[in-house]
């Protein structure tokens, strides 16, 4: 079932391929990877992990791991995070088997329930022990779900952060500010799951496409593992100002109030386009990012070519080690959406802003951003 990337150059990687895995833990995590499979996010392996055998019935992932059969009797945890942790500890050998050989692992789960909150930190610990670059993508409960669930979620976050290279936290309470009143149920689900899809697609696009200016696996490893605050974003644009526009989209987010890319110490930028890209466009994209992050930074630039891009340019940015406001949690990664928040519009100089993924339903566009996974993507006792 494994899908791997064949690379022209991979730095110190010896086998010539990079394996990217996404593990969905609990009801929320399994729902998230099911959505990714429906949206045809390719180039990764999917693994569904749960304590409730019934939850697997609606999961499209073929690689399913039922953990903690002795402690849960395959009936879930009832929202008990200690039981979720015990289930993962019972199944450490099976977990290590399924993640064996991964180079980059995304762990997605809902914090505040039982399986996701309890088992995700154990899985992250095992990944770290095996030298796997690990990124967490987790949701935080709505405020109206109560203080008990919120405290349970934050306890899980603290334990998870200790085991991860990078953590993406998604507050559910922000969903109302992102979803249009006319958005359908399915569109809202697509927006929410776009957080995970954008993270996976952004990294995979860097390592899967041959580059005229190549970024390899060790570049990604160094940036993600460097610590501190982090941000990731992808922007896509067409038109006369497409390169600068896409770059600014990639580093901008109107919803992200507590994290700024300014002052990042490590920045990785990849410009993905057809051979039509002009030199001055390449230069403008770099400058748009460099002007924001400042001088005290190591900036790695890559350029990959794909004639299928046509007149589009895609800019992907991964930045780490930047400052945070006092309200922002440490060592978190936030993902920016490919919609501009600077004071200019798509009509300026004819630049065309591409449609949002949730309004078009196009499975090929991973262009959503720092939004919340709504409660209907979770099980109450996941």
Foldseek 3Di string as FASTA:
>chain_A
DFAWFAFPDADPDDPRIAAEEEEQKALLRQLLVQVLVVLVLDRYAYEYEYQAPVSCVPGPHPHYDHFQCPLRVNHFDQQAQQSLQVRLVRCVVVLCVVCPPHAEYEYEYEQLFHNRLNNLLVSLQSCVVVVHQYEYEYEADAPVVDDNSNVRRVVSVVSNLVRHLAYAYAYQNQLVVPDDPPFDPVLSQVQASLAVSFVVVLVCVLDRFYFPQHDHPVLVVCFSNVFKEKEKEKAKWFADLQLLLRLQQGQDAPVDDWDHLAQFAEKEKEKEEAPPDDPVSVVNSVCSVDVRNDDNYDYHYIYGHDCVRPRMMMMIMMTHDGDTDPPDDIRHYFYGFRDHDPPDDCPVNNMHGDDDCSVPVNSVDSGHTRHHNHPVSHDNND
